[in-house]
Amino acid sequence: MATSAASDDSTVRETKAEEVLPPTLGSGSQPPNLFDGTTRLYISYICPYVQRVWIARNFKGLQDKIQLVAIDLQDKPAWFLEKVYPPGKLPVLEHNCNIIAESLDLLSYLDANFEGPKLFPRDQDPAKQAFADELIASSDSVIIALFRAGRAQAQGQGDDDISELLAPALDKVESSLGRFSDGPFLLGKSMSAVDMVYAPFVERFKDFFAAVKHYDMTQARPKLKEWIEELNKIDAYAATWGDRRLQLAALMNKFGIQSPVA
């Protein structure tokens, strides 16, 4: 009986600890009390650039210190465009009455200005920091290749053409995952900002090509497969995905492919 009670209590605690996500705010919404000293991360639930920073916020344990404000990308509130960030892009951080934007800049900003586990190795491991800098600098080439392959799929190009676009990008990630032998992540034993830069895109396209092409991006890439599996065991990462059907639908819609989700 005691064991059963302890198990039930643990389940309750986990449920209570799960973050309740805010509703998405559109053009008819009222703004929060802007620039009142509250730290806010303006997000979209379906944007991979946002997801980078959302993962970092969770990983550093800042759920109680950085409030999420979800914005409808297709129906942005006037107050957001006029008072928060006129360019209208996400993610955006409101901190100390200032606005900081761009996902890569925000990863560095969170690491420098907030407590919690470090996102970058910095002086702790110069070799890993150098590799982190290299991977982040080349991340756009992988992301561009994924999007080109997605467009090729939407345009009905052949399997060989799509594989030719995908293979170099995926092989680069696979090779990078083998750089350090002390763990399954891009910098070895623990998740870092580098994983946060790549994973939201790689995993989205993994789901995309599995759905529209029945193609497994991890086939013959065991390190890539293990990396994705290990990332999804981390609550800070898994909590940012929500309903994966909606993530898939958003990407399919981007390429003009009919989505199974209404």
Protein backbone atom coordinates (compact mmCIF):
# COMPACT_ATOMS: atom_id res chain seq x y z
CA MET A 1 0.00 0.00 0.00
CA ALA A 2 2.79 2.41 0.90
CA THR A 3 4.49 1.80 -2.44
CA SER A 4 1.28 2.46 -4.33
CA ALA A 5 0.63 5.69 -2.43
CA ALA A 6 4.15 6.93 -3.10
CA SER A 7 3.76 6.20 -6.80
CA ASP A 8 0.45 8.06 -7.00
CA ASP A 9 1.89 11.05 -5.13
CA SER A 10 4.84 11.17 -7.51
CA THR A 11 2.49 11.24 -10.48
CA VAL A 12 0.54 14.11 -8.97
CA ARG A 13 3.70 16.10 -8.36
CA GLU A 14 4.84 15.60 -11.95
CA THR A 15 1.45 16.73 -13.26
CA LYS A 16 1.49 19.84 -11.09
CA ALA A 17 5.03 20.67 -12.20
CA GLU A 18 4.09 20.55 -15.88
CA GLU A 19 3.96 24.07 -17.26
CA VAL A 20 0.57 25.36 -18.37
CA LEU A 21 1.16 27.03 -21.72
CA PRO A 22 -0.53 30.35 -22.50
CA PRO A 23 -3.09 30.80 -25.28
CA THR A 24 -1.95 32.19 -28.61
CA LEU A 25 -2.63 35.92 -28.95
CA GLY A 26 -3.91 37.34 -32.22
CA SER A 27 -4.91 40.74 -33.54
CA GLY A 28 -7.90 41.03 -31.22
CA SER A 29 -5.90 40.43 -28.05
CA GLN A 30 -5.00 42.82 -25.28
CA PRO A 31 -1.30 43.27 -24.46
CA PRO A 32 0.31 42.24 -21.20
CA ASN A 33 1.63 45.05 -19.00
CA LEU A 34 4.56 45.76 -21.28
CA PHE A 35 7.90 46.89 -19.88
CA ASP A 36 6.75 46.51 -16.28
CA GLY A 37 9.88 44.60 -15.25
CA THR A 38 8.50 41.16 -16.14
CA THR A 39 10.80 39.09 -18.32
CA ARG A 40 8.87 37.71 -21.28
CA LEU A 41 9.80 35.41 -24.14
CA TYR A 42 7.52 35.99 -27.13
CA ILE A 43 7.10 32.73 -28.99
CA SER A 44 5.20 30.78 -31.61
CA TYR A 45 4.40 27.15 -30.90
CA ILE A 46 5.27 26.07 -34.45
CA CYS A 47 8.49 27.99 -35.17
CA PRO A 48 11.83 26.11 -35.02
CA TYR A 49 13.79 29.34 -34.45
CA VAL A 50 11.64 30.03 -31.40
CA GLN A 51 12.04 26.46 -30.22
CA ARG A 52 15.80 26.93 -29.93
CA VAL A 53 15.36 29.59 -27.27
CA TRP A 54 12.40 27.93 -25.58
CA ILE A 55 14.49 24.78 -25.06
CA ALA A 56 17.30 26.90 -23.61
CA ARG A 57 14.92 28.66 -21.22
CA ASN A 58 13.64 25.30 -19.98
CA PHE A 59 17.10 23.72 -19.81
CA LYS A 60 18.33 26.54 -17.57
CA GLY A 61 15.29 26.10 -15.32
CA LEU A 62 13.91 29.58 -15.98
CA GLN A 63 10.23 28.69 -16.30
CA ASP A 64 9.38 30.78 -13.24
CA LYS A 65 11.58 33.70 -14.31
CA ILE A 66 10.79 34.03 -18.01
CA GLN A 67 7.11 34.21 -18.89
CA LEU A 68 5.98 32.84 -22.25
CA VAL A 69 3.77 34.99 -24.49
CA ALA A 70 2.51 33.12 -27.56
CA ILE A 71 1.92 35.17 -30.72
CA ASP A 72 -0.10 34.13 -33.76
CA LEU A 73 2.33 34.39 -36.67
CA GLN A 74 -0.51 34.73 -39.17
CA ASP A 75 -2.49 37.28 -37.16
CA LYS A 76 -0.02 39.32 -35.13
CA PRO A 77 -1.39 41.80 -32.61
CA ALA A 78 -0.91 45.47 -33.44
CA TRP A 79 0.49 46.08 -29.96
CA PHE A 80 3.27 43.56 -30.61
CA LEU A 81 4.24 45.22 -33.90
CA GLU A 82 3.95 48.76 -32.57
CA LYS A 83 5.33 48.48 -29.05
CA VAL A 84 7.39 45.31 -28.77
CA TYR A 85 9.15 44.47 -32.04
CA PRO A 86 8.15 46.26 -35.26
CA PRO A 87 9.95 43.76 -37.56
CA GLY A 88 7.43 41.23 -36.25
CA LYS A 89 9.82 38.28 -36.09
CA LEU A 90 10.04 35.74 -33.29
CA PRO A 91 11.56 34.87 -30.87
CA VAL A 92 11.88 38.10 -28.91
CA LEU A 93 12.90 38.54 -25.28
CA GLU A 94 11.68 41.42 -23.12
CA HIS A 95 14.21 41.81 -20.30
CA ASN A 96 15.00 44.77 -18.08
CA CYS A 97 12.72 46.88 -20.28
CA ASN A 98 14.84 46.07 -23.33
CA ILE A 99 14.08 43.93 -26.38
CA ILE A 100 16.52 41.30 -27.62
CA ALA A 101 15.86 39.35 -30.82
CA GLU A 102 17.39 36.68 -33.10
CA SER A 103 17.58 33.11 -31.83
CA LEU A 104 21.36 32.70 -31.89
CA ASP A 105 21.90 36.00 -30.09
CA LEU A 106 19.30 35.00 -27.53
CA LEU A 107 21.06 31.74 -26.72
CA SER A 108 24.21 33.67 -25.85
CA TYR A 109 22.19 36.30 -23.98
CA LEU A 110 20.41 33.75 -21.81
CA ASP A 111 23.69 32.07 -20.97
CA ALA A 112 25.36 35.34 -20.00
CA ASN A 113 22.49 36.92 -18.07
CA PHE A 114 20.64 34.10 -16.33
CA GLU A 115 21.53 31.38 -13.86
CA GLY A 116 21.29 27.68 -14.58
CA PRO A 117 23.27 25.07 -16.52
CA LYS A 118 25.56 26.55 -19.12
CA LEU A 119 24.54 26.35 -22.77
CA PHE A 120 28.10 26.78 -24.04
CA PRO A 121 31.31 25.20 -22.67
CA ARG A 122 33.27 28.48 -23.02
CA ASP A 123 36.43 28.40 -20.90
CA GLN A 124 35.56 25.03 -19.36
CA ASP A 125 36.51 23.21 -22.56
CA PRO A 126 38.14 25.32 -25.29
CA ALA A 127 38.16 22.42 -27.78
CA LYS A 128 34.42 21.90 -27.44
CA GLN A 129 33.77 25.63 -27.60
CA ALA A 130 35.76 25.88 -30.82
CA PHE A 131 33.73 23.03 -32.30
CA ALA A 132 30.51 24.67 -31.06
CA ASP A 133 31.46 27.89 -32.85
CA GLU A 134 32.22 25.93 -36.02
CA LEU A 135 28.91 24.04 -35.96
CA ILE A 136 26.82 27.12 -35.24
CA ALA A 137 28.55 29.05 -38.02
CA SER A 138 27.74 26.29 -40.51
CA SER A 139 24.21 25.54 -39.25
CA ASP A 140 22.55 27.58 -42.00
CA SER A 141 24.00 25.30 -44.67
CA VAL A 142 22.28 22.29 -43.10
CA ILE A 143 18.99 24.14 -42.59
CA ILE A 144 19.00 25.47 -46.17
CA ALA A 145 19.60 21.95 -47.49
CA LEU A 146 16.65 20.62 -45.50
CA PHE A 147 14.33 23.32 -46.85
CA ARG A 148 15.57 22.80 -50.41
CA ALA A 149 14.82 19.10 -50.10
CA GLY A 150 11.37 19.94 -48.77
CA ARG A 151 10.68 22.20 -51.74
CA ALA A 152 11.97 19.53 -54.10
CA GLN A 153 9.53 17.05 -52.57
CA ALA A 154 6.67 19.51 -52.98
CA GLN A 155 7.62 20.05 -56.63
CA GLY A 156 7.55 16.33 -57.31
CA GLN A 157 11.25 15.88 -57.98
CA GLY A 158 12.64 12.37 -57.99
CA ASP A 159 14.05 10.45 -55.06
CA ASP A 160 17.62 10.78 -56.31
CA ASP A 161 17.36 14.57 -56.48
CA ILE A 162 15.96 14.78 -52.97
CA SER A 163 18.53 12.36 -51.57
CA GLU A 164 21.28 14.38 -53.23
CA LEU A 165 20.08 17.46 -51.35
CA LEU A 166 19.60 15.69 -48.01
CA ALA A 167 22.57 13.36 -47.78
CA PRO A 168 25.40 15.89 -47.35
CA ALA A 169 23.52 17.77 -44.62
CA LEU A 170 22.55 14.64 -42.71
CA ASP A 171 25.98 13.10 -43.10
CA LYS A 172 27.50 16.29 -41.70
CA VAL A 173 25.35 15.98 -38.57
CA GLU A 174 26.15 12.26 -38.29
CA SER A 175 29.87 12.97 -38.56
CA SER A 176 29.68 15.82 -36.05
CA LEU A 177 27.95 13.57 -33.54
CA GLY A 178 31.02 11.35 -33.60
CA ARG A 179 33.47 14.12 -32.76
CA PHE A 180 33.38 13.54 -28.99
CA SER A 181 33.09 10.06 -27.51
CA ASP A 182 31.83 11.02 -24.05
CA GLY A 183 28.14 11.17 -24.96
CA PRO A 184 25.47 11.17 -27.69
CA PHE A 185 25.14 14.93 -28.15
CA LEU A 186 26.96 17.27 -30.51
CA LEU A 187 29.39 18.31 -27.77
CA GLY A 188 29.45 14.93 -26.07
CA LYS A 189 27.92 14.07 -22.73
CA SER A 190 25.23 16.73 -22.33
CA MET A 191 22.86 18.80 -24.41
CA SER A 192 24.19 22.23 -25.31
CA ALA A 193 23.21 25.27 -27.35
CA VAL A 194 24.53 23.51 -30.45
CA ASP A 195 21.94 20.75 -30.14
CA MET A 196 19.29 23.43 -29.64
CA VAL A 197 20.36 25.13 -32.88
CA TYR A 198 20.10 21.99 -35.01
CA ALA A 199 17.49 19.71 -33.47
CA PRO A 200 14.27 21.71 -34.07
CA PHE A 201 14.99 21.64 -37.81
CA VAL A 202 16.41 18.14 -38.14
CA GLU A 203 13.59 16.51 -36.21
CA ARG A 204 10.87 18.49 -38.03
CA PHE A 205 12.19 17.31 -41.37
CA LYS A 206 12.60 13.78 -40.07
CA ASP A 207 8.86 13.74 -39.36
CA PHE A 208 8.12 15.51 -42.65
CA PHE A 209 9.95 13.04 -44.88
CA ALA A 210 8.62 10.08 -42.92
CA ALA A 211 5.09 11.34 -43.60
CA VAL A 212 5.29 12.46 -47.23
CA LYS A 213 7.97 10.14 -48.59
CA HIS A 214 8.15 7.23 -46.12
CA TYR A 215 11.83 8.05 -45.87
CA ASP A 216 13.76 7.53 -42.64
CA MET A 217 16.49 10.16 -42.35
CA THR A 218 18.18 8.15 -39.60
CA GLN A 219 18.61 5.01 -41.71
CA ALA A 220 22.32 4.09 -41.84
CA ARG A 221 22.95 7.02 -39.48
CA PRO A 222 23.00 5.41 -36.02
CA LYS A 223 24.40 8.44 -34.23
CA LEU A 224 21.64 10.65 -35.62
CA LYS A 225 19.03 8.14 -34.48
CA GLU A 226 20.50 7.92 -30.98
CA TRP A 227 20.81 11.71 -30.75
CA ILE A 228 17.12 12.25 -31.45
CA GLU A 229 16.14 9.50 -29.02
CA GLU A 230 18.30 10.97 -26.24
CA LEU A 231 17.06 14.51 -26.83
CA ASN A 232 13.48 13.37 -26.41
CA LYS A 233 14.30 11.92 -23.00
CA ILE A 234 15.07 15.44 -21.77
CA ASP A 235 11.97 17.22 -20.45
CA ALA A 236 13.34 20.66 -21.34
CA TYR A 237 13.42 19.57 -24.97
CA ALA A 238 10.35 17.34 -25.20
CA ALA A 239 8.08 19.95 -23.58
CA THR A 240 8.60 22.35 -26.49
CA TRP A 241 7.10 20.07 -29.14
CA GLY A 242 3.45 20.02 -28.15
CA ASP A 243 1.25 18.19 -30.65
CA ARG A 244 3.64 16.92 -33.30
CA ARG A 245 0.80 16.57 -35.78
CA LEU A 246 0.45 20.36 -35.71
CA GLN A 247 4.19 20.80 -36.20
CA LEU A 248 4.05 18.48 -39.21
CA ALA A 249 0.97 20.23 -40.58
CA ALA A 250 2.67 23.63 -40.35
CA LEU A 251 5.68 22.40 -42.31
CA MET A 252 3.55 20.65 -44.93
CA ASN A 253 1.45 23.79 -45.35
CA LYS A 254 4.62 25.81 -45.83
CA PHE A 255 5.42 23.68 -48.87
CA GLY A 256 1.85 23.66 -50.15
CA ILE A 257 1.34 19.99 -49.33
CA GLN A 258 -2.08 18.98 -48.05
CA SER A 259 -1.92 18.25 -44.36
CA PRO A 260 -3.73 15.37 -42.66
CA VAL A 261 -4.60 17.78 -39.83
CA ALA A 262 -7.57 20.00 -40.53
